[in-house]
Protein backbone atom coordinates (compact mmCIF):
# COMPACT_ATOMS: atom_id res chain seq x y z
CA MET A 1 -0.15 0.24 -0.07
CA LEU A 2 1.72 3.74 -0.75
CA LEU A 3 0.26 5.45 2.17
CA GLU A 4 0.98 2.78 5.10
CA ASN A 5 1.61 4.38 7.93
CA LYS A 6 0.98 8.30 6.88
CA VAL A 7 -1.30 10.78 8.85
CA ALA A 8 -3.24 12.52 5.76
CA VAL A 9 -5.38 15.18 6.51
CA ILE A 10 -8.08 16.27 3.37
CA TYR A 11 -9.72 20.07 3.90
CA GLY A 12 -12.74 19.59 2.01
CA ALA A 13 -13.33 16.00 2.65
CA GLY A 14 -17.33 16.36 2.49
CA GLY A 15 -17.06 17.17 -1.55
CA SER A 16 -17.08 14.92 -4.19
CA ILE A 17 -13.78 15.47 -5.11
CA GLY A 18 -12.39 15.60 -1.80
CA GLY A 19 -13.97 12.64 -0.73
CA ALA A 20 -12.45 10.07 -4.02
CA VAL A 21 -8.96 11.54 -2.38
CA ALA A 22 -10.48 10.37 0.92
CA ARG A 23 -11.67 6.88 -0.71
CA ALA A 24 -7.78 6.15 -2.42
CA PHE A 25 -5.81 7.32 0.79
CA ALA A 26 -7.90 5.09 2.86
CA ARG A 27 -7.77 2.22 0.33
CA GLU A 28 -3.56 2.95 0.14
CA GLY A 29 -3.66 2.61 4.06
CA ALA A 30 -3.34 6.23 4.86
CA ARG A 31 -4.70 6.99 8.33
CA LEU A 32 -7.26 10.15 7.89
CA PHE A 33 -8.76 13.46 9.46
CA LEU A 34 -11.60 14.46 7.06
CA ALA A 35 -12.51 18.31 7.60
CA GLY A 36 -15.17 20.49 6.52
CA ARG A 37 -18.13 22.88 7.29
CA THR A 38 -20.47 20.41 6.56
CA GLN A 39 -20.74 17.06 9.35
CA ALA A 40 -22.75 14.66 7.53
CA SER A 41 -21.03 15.03 4.14
CA LEU A 42 -18.41 14.27 6.36
CA GLU A 43 -20.13 11.02 7.92
CA LYS A 44 -21.38 10.17 4.96
CA VAL A 45 -17.92 10.15 3.25
CA ALA A 46 -16.31 8.33 6.35
CA ASP A 47 -18.84 5.63 6.55
CA GLN A 48 -17.57 4.07 3.35
CA ILE A 49 -14.15 4.54 4.25
CA ARG A 50 -14.82 2.88 7.90
CA SER A 51 -16.77 -0.08 6.16
CA ASN A 52 -13.46 -0.76 4.20
CA GLY A 53 -12.07 -1.10 7.77
CA SER A 54 -9.81 2.04 7.28
CA ALA A 55 -9.61 4.44 10.35
CA VAL A 56 -10.78 8.09 9.43
CA ASP A 57 -11.76 10.32 12.66
CA THR A 58 -13.79 13.70 10.93
CA VAL A 59 -13.91 17.33 12.34
CA VAL A 60 -15.89 20.02 11.54
CA VAL A 61 -13.13 22.75 10.78
CA ASP A 62 -13.35 26.52 8.94
CA ALA A 63 -10.51 26.06 6.50
CA LEU A 64 -10.60 30.33 6.20
CA ASP A 65 -10.43 30.55 10.01
CA ASP A 66 -6.74 30.42 11.44
CA GLN A 67 -7.33 29.39 14.53
CA ALA A 68 -9.72 26.33 13.62
CA VAL A 69 -7.57 24.80 11.75
CA ASP A 70 -4.25 25.68 14.38
CA GLN A 71 -6.55 23.87 16.11
CA PHE A 72 -7.61 21.19 14.23
CA MET A 73 -3.86 20.33 13.52
CA ASP A 74 -2.98 20.63 16.90
CA GLY A 75 -5.91 18.13 17.63
CA VAL A 76 -4.28 15.84 14.12
CA ILE A 77 -0.49 15.51 16.33
CA LYS A 78 -1.86 15.26 19.37
CA GLN A 79 -4.54 12.06 18.26
CA ALA A 80 -1.63 10.69 15.41
CA GLY A 81 1.01 11.85 16.31
CA GLN A 82 2.23 13.35 13.39
CA VAL A 83 0.65 14.42 9.63
CA ASP A 84 2.26 13.15 6.49
CA ILE A 85 -0.03 14.51 4.17
CA SER A 86 -2.34 18.01 3.47
CA PHE A 87 -4.83 18.69 0.81
CA ASN A 88 -6.91 21.48 0.82
CA LEU A 89 -9.52 21.06 -2.09
CA ILE A 90 -12.61 23.33 -0.45
CA SER A 91 -14.63 25.63 -2.92
CA ILE A 92 -13.59 29.40 -3.36
CA GLY A 93 -15.99 30.62 -3.58
CA ASP A 94 -16.26 31.68 -7.60
CA VAL A 95 -19.13 33.95 -9.57
CA GLN A 96 -18.45 32.79 -13.22
CA LYS A 97 -18.86 36.13 -15.13
CA PRO A 98 -17.76 37.79 -17.48
CA LEU A 99 -15.36 40.60 -15.88
CA LEU A 100 -17.04 43.67 -16.89
CA GLU A 101 -20.62 42.42 -15.02
CA LEU A 102 -18.19 41.70 -11.57
CA SER A 103 -18.80 43.60 -8.80
CA VAL A 104 -14.85 44.32 -7.19
CA GLU A 105 -16.22 41.90 -3.94
CA ASP A 106 -17.32 39.33 -6.07
CA PHE A 107 -13.74 39.11 -8.70
CA MET A 108 -12.08 39.59 -5.28
CA GLN A 109 -13.66 36.73 -3.22
CA PRO A 110 -12.41 33.04 -5.30
CA ILE A 111 -8.38 35.29 -5.51
CA MET A 112 -8.41 35.87 -1.17
CA ASN A 113 -10.33 32.77 -0.88
CA ALA A 114 -8.03 30.42 -2.36
CA MET A 115 -5.25 32.57 -0.77
CA ARG A 116 -6.07 32.49 2.62
CA THR A 117 -7.58 29.08 2.83
CA GLN A 118 -3.86 27.57 0.46
CA PHE A 119 -1.85 29.83 3.00
CA LEU A 120 -3.13 28.50 6.50
CA THR A 121 -3.40 24.54 5.41
CA THR A 122 -0.44 24.77 4.21
CA ARG A 123 1.47 26.56 7.41
CA ALA A 124 -0.37 24.24 10.23
CA ALA A 125 0.53 21.31 8.73
CA ALA A 126 4.23 22.95 7.52
CA ARG A 127 5.10 23.00 11.11
CA ASN A 128 4.66 20.30 11.88
CA MET A 129 6.50 18.70 8.69
CA ILE A 130 9.43 20.75 8.81
CA GLU A 131 10.18 18.67 13.28
CA ARG A 132 9.89 15.19 10.70
CA LYS A 133 11.86 16.61 7.18
CA ALA A 134 9.17 15.05 5.44
CA GLY A 135 5.79 15.94 4.16
CA VAL A 136 3.61 16.42 1.64
CA ILE A 137 1.31 19.11 1.04
CA LEU A 138 -1.41 18.93 -2.68
CA HIS A 139 -3.36 22.09 -3.97
CA PHE A 140 -5.49 20.85 -6.42
CA GLY A 141 -6.95 23.60 -9.54
CA GLY A 142 -2.97 24.99 -11.23
CA GLY A 143 -3.06 27.43 -13.71
CA GLY A 144 -1.48 27.68 -17.02
CA PRO A 145 -1.91 29.72 -19.86
CA GLN A 146 -5.30 29.08 -21.45
CA THR A 147 -7.91 30.49 -20.10
CA GLN A 148 -11.39 31.00 -21.77
CA PRO A 149 -14.01 34.18 -21.54
CA GLY A 150 -16.84 34.15 -18.64
CA LEU A 151 -14.43 32.68 -16.08
CA GLY A 152 -14.76 35.84 -13.45
CA GLY A 153 -11.72 35.69 -10.94
CA PHE A 154 -11.26 31.44 -10.88
CA LYS A 155 -8.43 31.34 -13.30
CA ILE A 156 -6.83 34.19 -11.46
CA ALA A 157 -7.27 32.64 -8.16
CA LEU A 158 -6.22 29.61 -9.60
CA ASP A 159 -2.68 30.91 -11.60
CA ALA A 160 -2.33 33.04 -7.55
CA MET A 161 -2.40 29.43 -5.77
CA GLU A 162 0.85 28.19 -8.71
CA GLY A 163 2.23 31.01 -6.75
CA LEU A 164 1.19 30.18 -3.53
CA ARG A 165 2.62 26.78 -4.04
CA ARG A 166 6.48 28.03 -5.86
CA GLN A 167 6.75 29.78 -2.89
CA TRP A 168 5.88 27.34 -0.81
CA ALA A 169 8.33 24.94 -2.16
CA VAL A 170 11.24 26.92 -1.99
CA GLU A 171 10.68 27.72 1.59
CA LEU A 172 9.88 23.39 2.78
CA GLY A 173 11.68 21.97 0.49
CA PRO A 174 15.39 22.71 2.27
CA TYR A 175 13.42 20.34 5.35
CA GLY A 176 11.89 17.65 2.95
CA ILE A 177 8.56 19.06 1.95
CA ARG A 178 7.40 18.91 -1.39
CA VAL A 179 4.13 20.40 -2.51
CA VAL A 180 3.00 19.79 -5.63
CA THR A 181 -1.03 21.03 -7.68
CA LEU A 182 -3.46 18.51 -9.29
CA LYS A 183 -4.99 20.27 -12.38
CA THR A 184 -7.28 18.55 -14.49
CA GLY A 185 -9.21 20.68 -16.82
CA GLY A 186 -12.53 19.85 -15.15
CA ILE A 187 -14.55 16.86 -13.79
CA PRO A 188 -18.07 15.83 -15.20
CA GLU A 189 -18.63 13.92 -12.13
CA SER A 190 -17.75 16.72 -9.78
CA ILE A 191 -20.68 19.28 -11.10
CA PRO A 192 -23.84 18.69 -9.20
CA GLU A 193 -27.39 17.55 -10.62
CA GLY A 194 -29.15 20.75 -11.10
CA PHE A 195 -26.25 23.22 -11.32
CA PRO A 196 -27.10 25.93 -13.66
CA GLY A 197 -25.92 25.30 -17.06
CA ARG A 198 -24.47 21.81 -16.07
CA ASP A 199 -24.82 20.02 -19.18
CA GLU A 200 -23.54 22.88 -21.72
CA ILE A 201 -20.67 22.32 -19.86
CA ILE A 202 -19.99 18.98 -19.39
CA ASN A 203 -20.48 19.04 -23.57
CA ASN A 204 -17.94 21.60 -23.37
CA LEU A 205 -15.30 19.51 -21.87
CA LEU A 206 -14.81 16.34 -23.62
CA PRO A 207 -13.81 18.08 -27.40
CA SER A 208 -11.15 20.10 -25.47
CA THR A 209 -9.53 16.89 -24.62
CA LEU A 210 -6.87 15.09 -26.38
CA LEU A 211 -7.77 11.37 -25.51
CA ASN A 212 -11.14 12.02 -26.36
CA ARG A 213 -12.51 11.37 -21.96
CA THR A 214 -12.40 13.53 -19.27
CA ALA A 215 -10.58 13.13 -16.29
CA THR A 216 -12.45 10.77 -13.06
CA LEU A 217 -13.05 11.47 -9.69
CA ALA A 218 -11.20 7.53 -9.23
CA ASP A 219 -8.53 9.21 -11.91
CA VAL A 220 -8.14 11.84 -9.37
CA GLY A 221 -8.08 10.29 -6.05
CA ASN A 222 -5.57 7.21 -7.62
CA VAL A 223 -3.33 10.11 -8.90
CA ALA A 224 -2.90 12.25 -5.64
CA ALA A 225 -2.69 8.87 -3.61
CA PHE A 226 0.49 7.75 -5.91
CA VAL A 227 1.77 11.47 -5.90
CA ALA A 228 1.92 11.72 -1.66
CA SER A 229 3.43 8.64 -1.67
CA ASP A 230 7.65 8.16 -1.67
CA GLN A 231 7.30 6.71 -4.85
CA ALA A 232 6.93 10.29 -6.12
CA ARG A 233 9.98 10.86 -3.75
CA THR A 234 11.48 13.79 -6.48
CA MET A 235 7.95 15.08 -7.76
CA THR A 236 8.14 19.11 -5.97
CA SER A 237 7.35 22.73 -7.10
CA THR A 238 5.68 21.58 -10.20
CA GLU A 239 2.05 20.06 -11.35
CA ILE A 240 0.27 17.42 -12.03
CA ASN A 241 -1.76 17.14 -15.34
CA ILE A 242 -4.51 14.93 -15.80
CA SER A 243 -6.49 16.66 -17.85
CA CYS A 244 -6.78 14.41 -21.03
CA GLY A 245 -4.16 16.67 -22.44
CA ALA A 246 -8.04 19.39 -22.40
CA ILE A 247 -4.43 21.91 -20.28
CA VAL A 248 -1.70 21.51 -23.07
CA ASP A 249 1.62 22.50 -20.60
């Protein structure tokens, strides 16, 4: 198992992508701490994992609150003794409209949320990882040169996250801590039923790929488990592109 004896924290674990990552990590032997804002959604994911005999705890955490994040991490260390993997998958509250139609508040919201939560959760994990001179920080989203109209501040937030990822990687690398981003270009399974424009979004995803398929939730979980494992110990300060060619590097 790739993650045997590893302790992983996942923020936004109650969502579809967070749940997929949690299941993959559990399958590979990780001890899990799932964080999110809704206990019911966290428990739904945890119950699936517990049914397979894996150890998992759930904690309601606002990943935009510095005290809440630090207290959560303190609890993980007290209970498990360490943290080996931290993956932040929370939604960032983006409003996707043409820039000319956005208020300043709607434009800034995803950028501020992304920067704040990724800074807080990485800092909290890194403080323990530095002592042990090992650890993996995973980001989700990724940038790249391509964009399209109507994304509001969302793409800009992703690009800002990449800048933050590079800075963390440079500063944490000497302590043996890796920082990596996963990017997908869109996952049809992750778009909820009833979401405005869902069918149109999904129909537009496939033609943009080079492999005539899109990434699945299982793909994300599988790749995340590999990148978090010691088999990927040479990877840091980089993006892992699992977009099936929708994003060309």
